[in-house]
Amino acid sequence: MRLEVPSLLITDDDRDFRETLRSVFEPRFRTLLASDGQQALDILHEQEVHLLLLDMHDENLIRQAQLAEAFSVLSKPITRQQITSSVNAAMRRIYNWEAE
């Protein structure tokens, strides 16, 4: 599948972290930002999203994500290399997409 510019939804209650991630992934991705789960759901209902990054604090939620076969669960603090590697691997596996 050839994606012109895939969309990436970044959901985190920390505005500075969201903006930092936006700067890391633009312009390779069309980034969408949400400050909480409800805002993320609203975006998902309105727009096509190829990849979703969620900030999850509760251990039970993390276990649920793993059981739901989330591509990856990473712990903060996280490095730029860790997050970009995980995003690129997910895009490569799901969409056969290569980062430029």
N, C-alpha and C. Protein backbone atom coordinates (compact mmCIF):
# COMPACT_ATOMS: atom_id res chain seq x y z
N MET A 1 0.84 -1.18 0.00
CA MET A 1 0.00 0.00 0.00
C MET A 1 0.88 1.24 0.00
N ARG A 2 0.63 2.14 -0.89
CA ARG A 2 1.41 3.37 -0.99
C ARG A 2 0.67 4.51 -0.30
N LEU A 3 1.26 5.04 0.76
CA LEU A 3 0.66 6.16 1.48
C LEU A 3 1.42 7.43 1.10
N GLU A 4 0.70 8.42 0.64
CA GLU A 4 1.36 9.68 0.31
C GLU A 4 1.94 10.31 1.58
N VAL A 5 1.07 10.71 2.48
CA VAL A 5 1.49 11.23 3.79
C VAL A 5 0.57 10.58 4.83
N PRO A 6 1.08 9.60 5.56
CA PRO A 6 0.23 8.93 6.54
C PRO A 6 -0.09 9.85 7.72
N SER A 7 -1.19 9.55 8.39
CA SER A 7 -1.60 10.36 9.54
C SER A 7 -1.19 9.67 10.84
N LEU A 8 -0.80 10.48 11.80
CA LEU A 8 -0.35 10.01 13.10
C LEU A 8 -1.08 10.81 14.16
N LEU A 9 -1.85 10.13 15.01
CA LEU A 9 -2.56 10.78 16.10
C LEU A 9 -1.75 10.61 17.38
N ILE A 10 -1.37 11.73 17.97
CA ILE A 10 -0.58 11.76 19.20
C ILE A 10 -1.50 12.19 20.33
N THR A 11 -1.68 11.31 21.33
CA THR A 11 -2.56 11.60 22.45
C THR A 11 -1.76 11.58 23.74
N ASP A 12 -1.68 12.75 24.36
CA ASP A 12 -0.93 12.89 25.61
C ASP A 12 -1.44 14.13 26.32
N ASP A 13 -1.57 14.06 27.64
CA ASP A 13 -2.06 15.23 28.37
C ASP A 13 -1.00 16.31 28.55
N ASP A 14 0.23 16.01 28.23
CA ASP A 14 1.34 16.96 28.32
C ASP A 14 1.50 17.68 26.97
N ARG A 15 1.07 18.95 26.92
CA ARG A 15 1.09 19.71 25.67
C ARG A 15 2.49 19.81 25.09
N ASP A 16 3.49 20.06 25.93
CA ASP A 16 4.86 20.18 25.44
C ASP A 16 5.35 18.88 24.80
N PHE A 17 4.99 17.74 25.40
CA PHE A 17 5.39 16.45 24.84
C PHE A 17 4.71 16.23 23.49
N ARG A 18 3.41 16.56 23.40
CA ARG A 18 2.69 16.44 22.12
C ARG A 18 3.37 17.27 21.04
N GLU A 19 3.70 18.50 21.38
CA GLU A 19 4.33 19.39 20.40
C GLU A 19 5.73 18.91 20.02
N THR A 20 6.45 18.36 20.97
CA THR A 20 7.78 17.81 20.67
C THR A 20 7.65 16.65 19.68
N LEU A 21 6.69 15.75 19.95
CA LEU A 21 6.48 14.63 19.02
C LEU A 21 6.04 15.12 17.65
N ARG A 22 5.21 16.15 17.62
CA ARG A 22 4.81 16.72 16.32
C ARG A 22 6.05 17.17 15.54
N SER A 23 6.96 17.85 16.22
CA SER A 23 8.15 18.34 15.52
C SER A 23 9.05 17.20 15.06
N VAL A 24 9.02 16.07 15.77
CA VAL A 24 9.82 14.91 15.38
C VAL A 24 9.25 14.27 14.11
N PHE A 25 7.92 14.18 14.01
CA PHE A 25 7.31 13.41 12.93
C PHE A 25 6.84 14.21 11.72
N GLU A 26 6.68 15.51 11.85
CA GLU A 26 6.32 16.30 10.66
C GLU A 26 7.60 16.61 9.89
N PRO A 27 7.59 16.64 8.60
CA PRO A 27 6.48 16.53 7.67
C PRO A 27 6.26 15.13 7.12
N ARG A 28 6.96 14.11 7.66
CA ARG A 28 6.76 12.74 7.16
C ARG A 28 5.36 12.23 7.46
N PHE A 29 4.72 12.78 8.49
CA PHE A 29 3.37 12.40 8.88
C PHE A 29 2.51 13.65 8.96
N ARG A 30 1.23 13.47 8.69
CA ARG A 30 0.25 14.51 9.00
C ARG A 30 -0.13 14.24 10.44
N THR A 31 0.33 15.09 11.35
CA THR A 31 0.11 14.83 12.77
C THR A 31 -1.19 15.46 13.25
N LEU A 32 -1.88 14.70 14.07
CA LEU A 32 -3.10 15.14 14.73
C LEU A 32 -2.84 15.04 16.22
N LEU A 33 -3.30 16.02 16.98
CA LEU A 33 -3.01 16.05 18.41
C LEU A 33 -4.28 16.00 19.23
N ALA A 34 -4.24 15.21 20.32
CA ALA A 34 -5.35 15.13 21.26
C ALA A 34 -4.78 15.19 22.67
N SER A 35 -5.49 15.89 23.54
CA SER A 35 -5.01 16.03 24.92
C SER A 35 -5.56 14.95 25.85
N ASP A 36 -6.60 14.21 25.38
CA ASP A 36 -7.15 13.15 26.21
C ASP A 36 -7.84 12.11 25.33
N GLY A 37 -8.30 11.05 25.97
CA GLY A 37 -8.91 9.95 25.23
C GLY A 37 -10.17 10.35 24.48
N GLN A 38 -11.00 11.18 25.07
CA GLN A 38 -12.23 11.59 24.40
C GLN A 38 -11.93 12.40 23.13
N GLN A 39 -10.98 13.30 23.23
CA GLN A 39 -10.59 14.08 22.05
C GLN A 39 -10.02 13.16 20.97
N ALA A 40 -9.27 12.15 21.37
CA ALA A 40 -8.72 11.18 20.41
C ALA A 40 -9.85 10.42 19.72
N LEU A 41 -10.85 9.98 20.49
CA LEU A 41 -11.99 9.28 19.90
C LEU A 41 -12.75 10.17 18.92
N ASP A 42 -12.92 11.44 19.26
CA ASP A 42 -13.58 12.37 18.35
C ASP A 42 -12.83 12.47 17.03
N ILE A 43 -11.51 12.56 17.11
CA ILE A 43 -10.69 12.65 15.90
C ILE A 43 -10.82 11.36 15.09
N LEU A 44 -10.76 10.21 15.78
CA LEU A 44 -10.87 8.92 15.09
C LEU A 44 -12.20 8.76 14.35
N HIS A 45 -13.25 9.35 14.89
CA HIS A 45 -14.56 9.29 14.24
C HIS A 45 -14.64 10.20 13.02
N GLU A 46 -13.80 11.21 12.97
CA GLU A 46 -13.87 12.21 11.90
C GLU A 46 -12.82 12.04 10.81
N GLN A 47 -11.69 11.43 11.12
CA GLN A 47 -10.58 11.40 10.17
C GLN A 47 -9.94 10.01 10.12
N GLU A 48 -9.31 9.74 9.00
CA GLU A 48 -8.54 8.50 8.87
C GLU A 48 -7.23 8.66 9.63
N VAL A 49 -6.93 7.68 10.46
CA VAL A 49 -5.69 7.69 11.24
C VAL A 49 -4.96 6.39 10.94
N HIS A 50 -3.71 6.50 10.53
CA HIS A 50 -2.91 5.32 10.21
C HIS A 50 -2.18 4.76 11.43
N LEU A 51 -1.82 5.64 12.35
CA LEU A 51 -1.07 5.20 13.52
C LEU A 51 -1.45 6.08 14.70
N LEU A 52 -1.54 5.48 15.89
CA LEU A 52 -1.96 6.18 17.09
C LEU A 52 -0.92 5.99 18.18
N LEU A 53 -0.47 7.10 18.76
CA LEU A 53 0.41 7.05 19.94
C LEU A 53 -0.41 7.52 21.13
N LEU A 54 -0.46 6.70 22.18
CA LEU A 54 -1.23 7.00 23.38
C LEU A 54 -0.33 7.07 24.60
N ASP A 55 -0.63 7.99 25.47
CA ASP A 55 0.03 8.05 26.77
C ASP A 55 -0.87 7.31 27.76
N MET A 56 -0.35 6.23 28.33
CA MET A 56 -1.14 5.41 29.25
C MET A 56 -0.35 5.28 30.56
N HIS A 57 -0.96 5.68 31.67
CA HIS A 57 -0.27 5.64 32.96
C HIS A 57 -0.58 4.38 33.75
N ASP A 58 -1.78 3.90 33.67
CA ASP A 58 -2.25 2.79 34.52
C ASP A 58 -1.73 1.45 34.01
N GLU A 59 -1.18 0.66 34.90
CA GLU A 59 -0.63 -0.66 34.53
C GLU A 59 -1.70 -1.56 33.92
N ASN A 60 -2.93 -1.48 34.40
CA ASN A 60 -4.02 -2.29 33.86
C ASN A 60 -4.29 -1.91 32.40
N LEU A 61 -4.25 -0.62 32.08
CA LEU A 61 -4.44 -0.17 30.70
C LEU A 61 -3.32 -0.68 29.79
N ILE A 62 -2.11 -0.68 30.32
CA ILE A 62 -0.98 -1.17 29.53
C ILE A 62 -1.16 -2.66 29.23
N ARG A 63 -1.60 -3.43 30.23
CA ARG A 63 -1.86 -4.86 30.00
C ARG A 63 -2.97 -5.05 28.97
N GLN A 64 -4.00 -4.21 29.04
CA GLN A 64 -5.09 -4.29 28.06
C GLN A 64 -4.58 -3.99 26.65
N ALA A 65 -3.70 -3.02 26.52
CA ALA A 65 -3.13 -2.70 25.21
C ALA A 65 -2.35 -3.88 24.67
N GLN A 66 -1.59 -4.52 25.54
CA GLN A 66 -0.83 -5.69 25.11
C GLN A 66 -1.75 -6.83 24.70
N LEU A 67 -2.82 -7.05 25.46
CA LEU A 67 -3.78 -8.10 25.11
C LEU A 67 -4.51 -7.79 23.80
N ALA A 68 -4.67 -6.50 23.51
CA ALA A 68 -5.33 -6.08 22.26
C ALA A 68 -4.35 -6.09 21.09
N GLU A 69 -3.15 -6.61 21.35
CA GLU A 69 -2.11 -6.74 20.34
C GLU A 69 -1.65 -5.40 19.79
N ALA A 70 -1.49 -4.43 20.70
CA ALA A 70 -0.88 -3.16 20.31
C ALA A 70 0.48 -3.47 19.72
N PHE A 71 0.89 -2.72 18.72
CA PHE A 71 2.17 -3.00 18.08
C PHE A 71 3.31 -2.93 19.09
N SER A 72 3.27 -1.93 19.95
CA SER A 72 4.36 -1.73 20.89
C SER A 72 3.86 -0.98 22.11
N VAL A 73 4.42 -1.27 23.26
CA VAL A 73 4.17 -0.51 24.47
C VAL A 73 5.53 -0.05 24.98
N LEU A 74 5.72 1.25 25.01
CA LEU A 74 6.99 1.84 25.41
C LEU A 74 6.78 2.62 26.70
N SER A 75 7.81 2.68 27.53
CA SER A 75 7.71 3.39 28.81
C SER A 75 8.46 4.71 28.75
N LYS A 76 7.87 5.72 29.40
CA LYS A 76 8.54 7.01 29.55
C LYS A 76 9.51 6.91 30.71
N PRO A 77 10.60 7.61 30.72
CA PRO A 77 11.02 8.51 29.64
C PRO A 77 11.46 7.71 28.42
N ILE A 78 11.25 8.31 27.27
CA ILE A 78 11.53 7.64 26.01
C ILE A 78 12.45 8.52 25.18
N THR A 79 13.33 7.89 24.44
CA THR A 79 14.23 8.66 23.59
C THR A 79 13.61 8.85 22.21
N ARG A 80 14.12 9.83 21.51
CA ARG A 80 13.67 10.06 20.14
C ARG A 80 13.92 8.82 19.28
N GLN A 81 15.07 8.18 19.46
CA GLN A 81 15.41 6.98 18.70
C GLN A 81 14.42 5.85 18.97
N GLN A 82 14.04 5.64 20.23
CA GLN A 82 13.10 4.58 20.56
C GLN A 82 11.75 4.80 19.90
N ILE A 83 11.23 6.01 19.98
CA ILE A 83 9.89 6.25 19.45
C ILE A 83 9.88 6.25 17.93
N THR A 84 10.90 6.84 17.31
CA THR A 84 10.92 6.83 15.84
C THR A 84 11.13 5.42 15.30
N SER A 85 11.94 4.62 15.97
CA SER A 85 12.14 3.23 15.54
C SER A 85 10.86 2.44 15.63
N SER A 86 10.13 2.62 16.72
CA SER A 86 8.87 1.90 16.89
C SER A 86 7.84 2.33 15.86
N VAL A 87 7.72 3.63 15.63
CA VAL A 87 6.77 4.13 14.62
C VAL A 87 7.14 3.62 13.24
N ASN A 88 8.40 3.69 12.88
CA ASN A 88 8.83 3.22 11.57
C ASN A 88 8.60 1.72 11.41
N ALA A 89 8.86 0.95 12.46
CA ALA A 89 8.63 -0.50 12.39
C ALA A 89 7.15 -0.82 12.22
N ALA A 90 6.30 -0.11 12.95
CA ALA A 90 4.85 -0.33 12.82
C ALA A 90 4.37 0.00 11.41
N MET A 91 4.81 1.13 10.88
CA MET A 91 4.40 1.54 9.54
C MET A 91 4.91 0.56 8.48
N ARG A 92 6.12 0.09 8.68
CA ARG A 92 6.70 -0.87 7.74
C ARG A 92 5.91 -2.19 7.76
N ARG A 93 5.58 -2.66 8.96
CA ARG A 93 4.88 -3.93 9.08
C ARG A 93 3.43 -3.84 8.57
N ILE A 94 2.72 -2.80 8.92
CA ILE A 94 1.30 -2.69 8.58
C ILE A 94 1.09 -2.20 7.15
N TYR A 95 1.87 -1.22 6.73
CA TYR A 95 1.62 -0.56 5.44
C TYR A 95 2.73 -0.76 4.42
N ASN A 96 3.77 -1.53 4.79
CA ASN A 96 4.92 -1.70 3.90
C ASN A 96 5.50 -0.34 3.51
N TRP A 97 5.60 0.53 4.50
CA TRP A 97 5.99 1.92 4.32
C TRP A 97 7.41 2.12 4.81
N GLU A 98 8.19 2.84 4.07
CA GLU A 98 9.57 3.13 4.46
C GLU A 98 9.71 4.62 4.74
N ALA A 99 10.35 4.94 5.86
CA ALA A 99 10.61 6.34 6.21
C ALA A 99 11.62 6.91 5.23
N GLU A 100 11.40 8.16 4.91
CA GLU A 100 12.32 8.82 3.98
C GLU A 100 13.43 9.52 4.70
